[in-house]
PDB file of all heavy atoms in Angstrom:
ATOM      1  N   THR A   1     -31.838   1.517  14.290  1.00  0.00           N
ATOM      2  CA  THR A   1     -32.683   2.530  14.908  1.00  0.00           C
ATOM      3  C   THR A   1     -33.122   3.499  13.816  1.00  0.00           C
ATOM      4  O   THR A   1     -32.287   4.026  13.078  1.00  0.00           O
ATOM      5  CB  THR A   1     -31.921   3.295  16.003  1.00  0.00           C
ATOM      6  OG1 THR A   1     -31.545   2.387  17.032  1.00  0.00           O
ATOM      7  CG2 THR A   1     -32.789   4.405  16.589  1.00  0.00           C
ATOM      8  N   TYR A   2     -34.416   3.738  13.708  1.00  0.00           N
ATOM      9  CA  TYR A   2     -34.961   4.638  12.700  1.00  0.00           C
ATOM     10  C   TYR A   2     -35.156   6.014  13.326  1.00  0.00           C
ATOM     11  O   TYR A   2     -35.742   6.149  14.400  1.00  0.00           O
ATOM     12  CB  TYR A   2     -36.263   4.070  12.135  1.00  0.00           C
ATOM     13  CG  TYR A   2     -36.021   2.729  11.482  1.00  0.00           C
ATOM     14  CD1 TYR A   2     -36.125   1.550  12.227  1.00  0.00           C
ATOM     15  CD2 TYR A   2     -35.609   2.646  10.163  1.00  0.00           C
ATOM     16  CE1 TYR A   2     -35.850   0.316  11.649  1.00  0.00           C
ATOM     17  CE2 TYR A   2     -35.332   1.416   9.581  1.00  0.00           C
ATOM     18  CZ  TYR A   2     -35.453   0.257  10.333  1.00  0.00           C
ATOM     19  OH  TYR A   2     -35.164  -0.961   9.762  1.00  0.00           O
ATOM     20  N   LEU A   3     -34.664   7.028  12.661  1.00  0.00           N
ATOM     21  CA  LEU A   3     -34.510   8.349  13.267  1.00  0.00           C
ATOM     22  C   LEU A   3     -35.833   9.079  13.424  1.00  0.00           C
ATOM     23  O   LEU A   3     -36.695   9.040  12.544  1.00  0.00           O
ATOM     24  CB  LEU A   3     -33.571   9.193  12.403  1.00  0.00           C
ATOM     25  CG  LEU A   3     -32.155   8.620  12.245  1.00  0.00           C
ATOM     26  CD1 LEU A   3     -31.362   9.445  11.238  1.00  0.00           C
ATOM     27  CD2 LEU A   3     -31.434   8.563  13.586  1.00  0.00           C
ATOM     28  N   ASN A   4     -35.952   9.773  14.556  1.00  0.00           N
ATOM     29  CA  ASN A   4     -37.159  10.553  14.827  1.00  0.00           C
ATOM     30  C   ASN A   4     -36.854  12.035  14.964  1.00  0.00           C
ATOM     31  O   ASN A   4     -37.653  12.790  15.497  1.00  0.00           O
ATOM     32  CB  ASN A   4     -37.851  10.057  16.094  1.00  0.00           C
ATOM     33  CG  ASN A   4     -36.996  10.290  17.338  1.00  0.00           C
ATOM     34  OD1 ASN A   4     -35.833  10.691  17.256  1.00  0.00           O
ATOM     35  ND2 ASN A   4     -37.563  10.027  18.509  1.00  0.00           N
ATOM     36  N   GLY A   5     -35.702  12.471  14.501  1.00  0.00           N
ATOM     37  CA  GLY A   5     -35.322  13.875  14.643  1.00  0.00           C
ATOM     38  C   GLY A   5     -34.745  14.422  13.356  1.00  0.00           C
ATOM     39  O   GLY A   5     -34.956  13.880  12.272  1.00  0.00           O
ATOM     40  N   SER A   6     -33.998  15.514  13.494  1.00  0.00           N
ATOM     41  CA  SER A   6     -33.434  16.207  12.326  1.00  0.00           C
ATOM     42  C   SER A   6     -31.917  16.068  12.330  1.00  0.00           C
ATOM     43  O   SER A   6     -31.186  17.049  12.375  1.00  0.00           O
ATOM     44  CB  SER A   6     -33.849  17.683  12.344  1.00  0.00           C
ATOM     45  OG  SER A   6     -33.526  18.274  13.608  1.00  0.00           O
ATOM     46  N   PHE A   7     -31.462  14.824  12.310  1.00  0.00           N
ATOM     47  CA  PHE A   7     -30.032  14.527  12.336  1.00  0.00           C
ATOM     48  C   PHE A   7     -29.417  14.771  10.956  1.00  0.00           C
ATOM     49  O   PHE A   7     -30.124  14.940   9.953  1.00  0.00           O
ATOM     50  CB  PHE A   7     -29.811  13.076  12.759  1.00  0.00           C
ATOM     51  CG  PHE A   7     -30.413  12.740  14.090  1.00  0.00           C
ATOM     52  CD1 PHE A   7     -31.685  12.208  14.189  1.00  0.00           C
ATOM     53  CD2 PHE A   7     -29.707  12.979  15.262  1.00  0.00           C
ATOM     54  CE1 PHE A   7     -32.243  11.898  15.409  1.00  0.00           C
ATOM     55  CE2 PHE A   7     -30.261  12.676  16.496  1.00  0.00           C
ATOM     56  CZ  PHE A   7     -31.537  12.140  16.577  1.00  0.00           C
ATOM     57  N   CYS A   8     -28.084  14.734  10.906  1.00  0.00           N
ATOM     58  CA  CYS A   8     -27.420  14.898   9.611  1.00  0.00           C
ATOM     59  C   CYS A   8     -27.858  13.809   8.644  1.00  0.00           C
ATOM     60  O   CYS A   8     -28.049  14.062   7.443  1.00  0.00           O
ATOM     61  CB  CYS A   8     -25.904  14.899   9.781  1.00  0.00           C
ATOM     62  SG  CYS A   8     -25.219  13.424  10.582  1.00  0.00           S
ATOM     63  N   CYS A   9     -28.023  12.580   9.143  1.00  0.00           N
ATOM     64  CA  CYS A   9     -28.419  11.474   8.270  1.00  0.00           C
ATOM     65  C   CYS A   9     -29.893  11.531   7.899  1.00  0.00           C
ATOM     66  O   CYS A   9     -30.313  10.851   6.958  1.00  0.00           O
ATOM     67  CB  CYS A   9     -28.082  10.130   8.921  1.00  0.00           C
ATOM     68  SG  CYS A   9     -26.298   9.820   9.036  1.00  0.00           S
ATOM     69  N   THR A  10     -30.679  12.346   8.604  1.00  0.00           N
ATOM     70  CA  THR A  10     -32.045  12.618   8.154  1.00  0.00           C
ATOM     71  C   THR A  10     -31.989  13.504   6.922  1.00  0.00           C
ATOM     72  O   THR A  10     -32.707  13.282   5.936  1.00  0.00           O
ATOM     73  CB  THR A  10     -32.866  13.305   9.253  1.00  0.00           C
ATOM     74  OG1 THR A  10     -32.721  12.607  10.492  1.00  0.00           O
ATOM     75  CG2 THR A  10     -34.333  13.381   8.870  1.00  0.00           C
ATOM     76  N   GLY A  11     -31.110  14.506   6.978  1.00  0.00           N
ATOM     77  CA  GLY A  11     -30.966  15.406   5.846  1.00  0.00           C
ATOM     78  C   GLY A  11     -30.448  14.711   4.602  1.00  0.00           C
ATOM     79  O   GLY A  11     -31.027  14.829   3.515  1.00  0.00           O
ATOM     80  N   SER A  12     -29.348  13.961   4.742  1.00  0.00           N
ATOM     81  CA  SER A  12     -28.834  13.233   3.575  1.00  0.00           C
ATOM     82  C   SER A  12     -29.804  12.130   3.178  1.00  0.00           C
ATOM     83  O   SER A  12     -29.907  11.775   1.996  1.00  0.00           O
ATOM     84  CB  SER A  12     -27.441  12.662   3.860  1.00  0.00           C
ATOM     85  OG  SER A  12     -27.465  11.765   4.954  1.00  0.00           O
ATOM     86  N   GLY A  13     -30.568  11.618   4.154  1.00  0.00           N
ATOM     87  CA  GLY A  13     -31.522  10.546   3.869  1.00  0.00           C
ATOM     88  C   GLY A  13     -32.655  10.977   2.963  1.00  0.00           C
ATOM     89  O   GLY A  13     -33.066  10.234   2.073  1.00  0.00           O
ATOM     90  N   ILE A  14     -33.182  12.192   3.164  1.00  0.00           N
ATOM     91  CA  ILE A  14     -34.255  12.645   2.274  1.00  0.00           C
ATOM     92  C   ILE A  14     -33.702  12.983   0.895  1.00  0.00           C
ATOM     93  O   ILE A  14     -34.435  12.960  -0.104  1.00  0.00           O
ATOM     94  CB  ILE A  14     -35.056  13.830   2.860  1.00  0.00           C
ATOM     95  CG1 ILE A  14     -34.167  15.051   3.089  1.00  0.00           C
ATOM     96  CG2 ILE A  14     -35.780  13.406   4.136  1.00  0.00           C
ATOM     97  CD1 ILE A  14     -34.943  16.303   3.497  1.00  0.00           C
ATOM     98  N   GLU A  15     -32.419  13.292   0.818  1.00  0.00           N
ATOM     99  CA  GLU A  15     -31.795  13.489  -0.494  1.00  0.00           C
ATOM    100  C   GLU A  15     -31.582  12.161  -1.220  1.00  0.00           C
ATOM    101  O   GLU A  15     -31.693  12.091  -2.457  1.00  0.00           O
ATOM    102  CB  GLU A  15     -30.450  14.192  -0.356  1.00  0.00           C
ATOM    103  CG  GLU A  15     -30.512  15.665  -0.024  1.00  0.00           C
ATOM    104  CD  GLU A  15     -29.152  16.318  -0.176  1.00  0.00           C
ATOM    105  OE1 GLU A  15     -28.500  16.092  -1.210  1.00  0.00           O
ATOM    106  OE2 GLU A  15     -28.731  17.034   0.753  1.00  0.00           O
ATOM    107  N   ASN A  16     -31.248  11.120  -0.469  1.00  0.00           N
ATOM    108  CA  ASN A  16     -30.818   9.868  -1.103  1.00  0.00           C
ATOM    109  C   ASN A  16     -31.862   9.290  -2.046  1.00  0.00           C
ATOM    110  O   ASN A  16     -31.542   8.839  -3.149  1.00  0.00           O
ATOM    111  CB  ASN A  16     -30.449   8.836  -0.036  1.00  0.00           C
ATOM    112  CG  ASN A  16     -29.088   9.089   0.573  1.00  0.00           C
ATOM    113  OD1 ASN A  16     -28.226   9.713  -0.039  1.00  0.00           O
ATOM    114  ND2 ASN A  16     -28.885   8.602   1.790  1.00  0.00           N
ATOM    115  N   THR A  17     -33.118   9.275  -1.611  1.00  0.00           N
ATOM    116  CA  THR A  17     -34.146   8.662  -2.457  1.00  0.00           C
ATOM    117  C   THR A  17     -34.351   9.449  -3.744  1.00  0.00           C
ATOM    118  O   THR A  17     -34.662   8.874  -4.795  1.00  0.00           O
ATOM    119  CB  THR A  17     -35.479   8.537  -1.698  1.00  0.00           C
ATOM    120  OG1 THR A  17     -35.805   9.803  -1.118  1.00  0.00           O
ATOM    121  CG2 THR A  17     -35.396   7.492  -0.604  1.00  0.00           C
ATOM    122  N   ALA A  18     -34.173  10.757  -3.675  1.00  0.00           N
ATOM    123  CA  ALA A  18     -34.302  11.577  -4.871  1.00  0.00           C
ATOM    124  C   ALA A  18     -33.086  11.460  -5.778  1.00  0.00           C
ATOM    125  O   ALA A  18     -33.146  11.858  -6.950  1.00  0.00           O
ATOM    126  CB  ALA A  18     -34.519  13.041  -4.480  1.00  0.00           C
ATOM    127  N   ARG A  19     -31.994  10.921  -5.257  1.00  0.00           N
ATOM    128  CA  ARG A  19     -30.757  10.747  -6.040  1.00  0.00           C
ATOM    129  C   ARG A  19     -30.643   9.355  -6.654  1.00  0.00           C
ATOM    130  O   ARG A  19     -29.647   9.069  -7.330  1.00  0.00           O
ATOM    131  CB  ARG A  19     -29.541  10.999  -5.141  1.00  0.00           C
ATOM    132  CG  ARG A  19     -29.347  12.449  -4.729  1.00  0.00           C
ATOM    133  CD  ARG A  19     -28.151  12.585  -3.789  1.00  0.00           C
ATOM    134  NE  ARG A  19     -27.900  13.955  -3.383  1.00  0.00           N
ATOM    135  CZ  ARG A  19     -27.099  14.808  -4.035  1.00  0.00           C
ATOM    136  NH1 ARG A  19     -26.459  14.398  -5.113  1.00  0.00           N
ATOM    137  NH2 ARG A  19     -26.938  16.037  -3.616  1.00  0.00           N
ATOM    138  N   TYR A  20     -31.605   8.485  -6.421  1.00  0.00           N
ATOM    139  CA  TYR A  20     -31.506   7.137  -6.985  1.00  0.00           C
ATOM    140  C   TYR A  20     -31.337   7.164  -8.504  1.00  0.00           C
ATOM    141  O   TYR A  20     -30.748   6.258  -9.087  1.00  0.00           O
ATOM    142  CB  TYR A  20     -32.758   6.327  -6.653  1.00  0.00           C
ATOM    143  CG  TYR A  20     -32.906   5.876  -5.220  1.00  0.00           C
ATOM    144  CD1 TYR A  20     -34.159   5.489  -4.740  1.00  0.00           C
ATOM    145  CD2 TYR A  20     -31.830   5.822  -4.348  1.00  0.00           C
ATOM    146  CE1 TYR A  20     -34.331   5.052  -3.435  1.00  0.00           C
ATOM    147  CE2 TYR A  20     -31.989   5.397  -3.035  1.00  0.00           C
ATOM    148  CZ  TYR A  20     -33.238   5.016  -2.580  1.00  0.00           C
ATOM    149  OH  TYR A  20     -33.415   4.580  -1.291  1.00  0.00           O
ATOM    150  N   ASN A  21     -31.887   8.178  -9.163  1.00  0.00           N
ATOM    151  CA  ASN A  21     -31.786   8.278 -10.618  1.00  0.00           C
ATOM    152  C   ASN A  21     -30.357   8.532 -11.077  1.00  0.00           C
ATOM    153  O   ASN A  21     -30.016   8.272 -12.231  1.00  0.00           O
ATOM    154  CB  ASN A  21     -32.670   9.419 -11.135  1.00  0.00           C
ATOM    155  CG  ASN A  21     -34.098   9.318 -10.684  1.00  0.00           C
ATOM    156  OD1 ASN A  21     -34.385   9.184  -9.501  1.00  0.00           O
ATOM    157  ND2 ASN A  21     -35.036   9.387 -11.615  1.00  0.00           N
ATOM    158  N   GLU A  22     -29.536   9.084 -10.185  1.00  0.00           N
ATOM    159  CA  GLU A  22     -28.172   9.439 -10.542  1.00  0.00           C
ATOM    160  C   GLU A  22     -27.276   8.207 -10.497  1.00  0.00           C
ATOM    161  O   GLU A  22     -27.517   7.274  -9.753  1.00  0.00           O
ATOM    162  CB  GLU A  22     -27.641  10.502  -9.584  1.00  0.00           C
ATOM    163  CG  GLU A  22     -28.480  11.768  -9.557  1.00  0.00           C
ATOM    164  CD  GLU A  22     -28.071  12.722  -8.449  1.00  0.00           C
ATOM    165  OE1 GLU A  22     -26.957  12.587  -7.915  1.00  0.00           O
ATOM    166  OE2 GLU A  22     -28.879  13.602  -8.120  1.00  0.00           O
ATOM    167  N   GLY A  23     -26.230   8.242 -11.265  1.00  0.00           N
ATOM    168  CA  GLY A  23     -25.250   7.163 -11.222  1.00  0.00           C
ATOM    169  C   GLY A  23     -25.582   5.983 -12.115  1.00  0.00           C
ATOM    170  O   GLY A  23     -24.760   5.085 -12.279  1.00  0.00           O
ATOM    171  N   ILE A  24     -26.787   5.952 -12.692  1.00  0.00           N
ATOM    172  CA  ILE A  24     -27.145   4.831 -13.568  1.00  0.00           C
ATOM    173  C   ILE A  24     -26.462   4.979 -14.919  1.00  0.00           C
ATOM    174  O   ILE A  24     -25.879   4.028 -15.449  1.00  0.00           O
ATOM    175  CB  ILE A  24     -28.676   4.742 -13.747  1.00  0.00           C
ATOM    176  CG1 ILE A  24     -29.379   4.607 -12.397  1.00  0.00           C
ATOM    177  CG2 ILE A  24     -29.034   3.556 -14.646  1.00  0.00           C
ATOM    178  CD1 ILE A  24     -30.905   4.624 -12.487  1.00  0.00           C
ATOM    179  N   TYR A  25     -26.512   6.207 -15.466  1.00  0.00           N
ATOM    180  CA  TYR A  25     -25.993   6.462 -16.813  1.00  0.00           C
ATOM    181  C   TYR A  25     -25.036   7.656 -16.795  1.00  0.00           C
ATOM    182  O   TYR A  25     -25.274   8.645 -16.101  1.00  0.00           O
ATOM    183  CB  TYR A  25     -27.131   6.784 -17.788  1.00  0.00           C
ATOM    184  CG  TYR A  25     -28.250   5.779 -17.820  1.00  0.00           C
ATOM    185  CD1 TYR A  25     -29.434   6.002 -17.117  1.00  0.00           C
ATOM    186  CD2 TYR A  25     -28.151   4.607 -18.567  1.00  0.00           C
ATOM    187  CE1 TYR A  25     -30.485   5.097 -17.156  1.00  0.00           C
ATOM    188  CE2 TYR A  25     -29.195   3.689 -18.615  1.00  0.00           C
ATOM    189  CZ  TYR A  25     -30.356   3.938 -17.894  1.00  0.00           C
ATOM    190  OH  TYR A  25     -31.393   3.039 -17.932  1.00  0.00           O
ATOM    191  N   PHE A  26     -23.976   7.562 -17.598  1.00  0.00           N
ATOM    192  CA  PHE A  26     -23.072   8.677 -17.858  1.00  0.00           C
ATOM    193  C   PHE A  26     -22.902   8.789 -19.376  1.00  0.00           C
ATOM    194  O   PHE A  26     -23.138   7.822 -20.113  1.00  0.00           O
ATOM    195  CB  PHE A  26     -21.708   8.456 -17.204  1.00  0.00           C
ATOM    196  CG  PHE A  26     -21.701   8.645 -15.704  1.00  0.00           C
ATOM    197  CD1 PHE A  26     -22.224   7.669 -14.862  1.00  0.00           C
ATOM    198  CD2 PHE A  26     -21.177   9.795 -15.131  1.00  0.00           C
ATOM    199  CE1 PHE A  26     -22.219   7.839 -13.481  1.00  0.00           C
ATOM    200  CE2 PHE A  26     -21.165   9.972 -13.756  1.00  0.00           C
ATOM    201  CZ  PHE A  26     -21.684   8.998 -12.928  1.00  0.00           C
ATOM    202  N   HIS A  27     -22.457   9.951 -19.834  1.00  0.00           N
ATOM    203  CA  HIS A  27     -22.338  10.133 -21.277  1.00  0.00           C
ATOM    204  C   HIS A  27     -21.211  11.096 -21.625  1.00  0.00           C
ATOM    205  O   HIS A  27     -20.796  11.939 -20.821  1.00  0.00           O
ATOM    206  CB  HIS A  27     -23.648  10.684 -21.849  1.00  0.00           C
ATOM    207  CG  HIS A  27     -23.960  12.098 -21.423  1.00  0.00           C
ATOM    208  ND1 HIS A  27     -23.777  13.186 -22.235  1.00  0.00           N
ATOM    209  CD2 HIS A  27     -24.435  12.589 -20.251  1.00  0.00           C
ATOM    210  CE1 HIS A  27     -24.121  14.288 -21.599  1.00  0.00           C
ATOM    211  NE2 HIS A  27     -24.534  13.947 -20.393  1.00  0.00           N
ATOM    212  N   LYS A  28     -20.716  10.960 -22.844  1.00  0.00           N
ATOM    213  CA  LYS A  28     -19.841  11.947 -23.473  1.00  0.00           C
ATOM    214  C   LYS A  28     -19.943  11.768 -24.979  1.00  0.00           C
ATOM    215  O   LYS A  28     -19.814  10.657 -25.497  1.00  0.00           O
ATOM    216  CB  LYS A  28     -18.385  11.799 -23.035  1.00  0.00           C
ATOM    217  CG  LYS A  28     -17.490  12.877 -23.662  1.00  0.00           C
ATOM    218  CD  LYS A  28     -16.036  12.713 -23.309  1.00  0.00           C
ATOM    219  CE  LYS A  28     -15.223  13.833 -23.972  1.00  0.00           C
ATOM    220  NZ  LYS A  28     -13.771  13.688 -23.705  1.00  0.00           N
ATOM    221  N   ASP A  29     -20.180  12.876 -25.670  1.00  0.00           N
ATOM    222  CA  ASP A  29     -20.332  12.840 -27.120  1.00  0.00           C
ATOM    223  C   ASP A  29     -21.372  11.777 -27.497  1.00  0.00           C
ATOM    224  O   ASP A  29     -22.504  11.856 -27.066  1.00  0.00           O
ATOM    225  CB  ASP A  29     -18.978  12.592 -27.783  1.00  0.00           C
ATOM    226  CG  ASP A  29     -17.958  13.680 -27.450  1.00  0.00           C
ATOM    227  OD1 ASP A  29     -18.379  14.830 -27.240  1.00  0.00           O
ATOM    228  OD2 ASP A  29     -16.756  13.371 -27.387  1.00  0.00           O
ATOM    229  N   ASP A  30     -20.957  10.759 -28.277  1.00  0.00           N
ATOM    230  CA  ASP A  30     -21.913   9.720 -28.691  1.00  0.00           C
ATOM    231  C   ASP A  30     -21.695   8.411 -27.943  1.00  0.00           C
ATOM    232  O   ASP A  30     -22.057   7.339 -28.429  1.00  0.00           O
ATOM    233  CB  ASP A  30     -21.835   9.483 -30.196  1.00  0.00           C
ATOM    234  CG  ASP A  30     -20.456   9.026 -30.651  1.00  0.00           C
ATOM    235  OD1 ASP A  30     -19.546   8.925 -29.799  1.00  0.00           O
ATOM    236  OD2 ASP A  30     -20.276   8.778 -31.861  1.00  0.00           O
ATOM    237  N   ALA A  31     -21.102   8.493 -26.750  1.00  0.00           N
ATOM    238  CA  ALA A  31     -20.874   7.301 -25.929  1.00  0.00           C
ATOM    239  C   ALA A  31     -21.727   7.360 -24.667  1.00  0.00           C
ATOM    240  O   ALA A  31     -21.839   8.409 -24.025  1.00  0.00           O
ATOM    241  CB  ALA A  31     -19.404   7.174 -25.549  1.00  0.00           C
ATOM    242  N   LEU A  32     -22.330   6.230 -24.326  1.00  0.00           N
ATOM    243  CA  LEU A  32     -23.159   6.102 -23.128  1.00  0.00           C
ATOM    244  C   LEU A  32     -22.612   4.977 -22.272  1.00  0.00           C
ATOM    245  O   LEU A  32     -22.337   3.891 -22.779  1.00  0.00           O
ATOM    246  CB  LEU A  32     -24.605   5.792 -23.522  1.00  0.00           C
ATOM    247  CG  LEU A  32     -25.592   5.521 -22.382  1.00  0.00           C
ATOM    248  CD1 LEU A  32     -25.903   6.819 -21.644  1.00  0.00           C
ATOM    249  CD2 LEU A  32     -26.879   4.898 -22.917  1.00  0.00           C
ATOM    250  N   TRP A  33     -22.424   5.260 -20.976  1.00  0.00           N
ATOM    251  CA  TRP A  33     -22.027   4.221 -20.027  1.00  0.00           C
ATOM    252  C   TRP A  33     -23.245   3.834 -19.187  1.00  0.00           C
ATOM    253  O   TRP A  33     -23.911   4.701 -18.607  1.00  0.00           O
ATOM    254  CB  TRP A  33     -20.927   4.725 -19.095  1.00  0.00           C
ATOM    255  CG  TRP A  33     -19.582   4.840 -19.731  1.00  0.00           C
ATOM    256  CD1 TRP A  33     -18.581   3.906 -19.734  1.00  0.00           C
ATOM    257  CD2 TRP A  33     -19.067   5.969 -20.449  1.00  0.00           C
ATOM    258  NE1 TRP A  33     -17.481   4.382 -20.417  1.00  0.00           N
ATOM    259  CE2 TRP A  33     -17.757   5.641 -20.869  1.00  0.00           C
ATOM    260  CE3 TRP A  33     -19.590   7.225 -20.791  1.00  0.00           C
ATOM    261  CZ2 TRP A  33     -16.962   6.519 -21.597  1.00  0.00           C
ATOM    262  CZ3 TRP A  33     -18.801   8.104 -21.515  1.00  0.00           C
ATOM    263  CH2 TRP A  33     -17.513   7.749 -21.910  1.00  0.00           C
TER     264      TRP A  33
END
């Protein structure tokens, strides 16, 4: 079911697409994961 209101998962849902960039790369000093 695709949401038509302002549910909690609507709120986290609009965040999710903007967060796709996160979690791909991590770093410390001269090391990249």
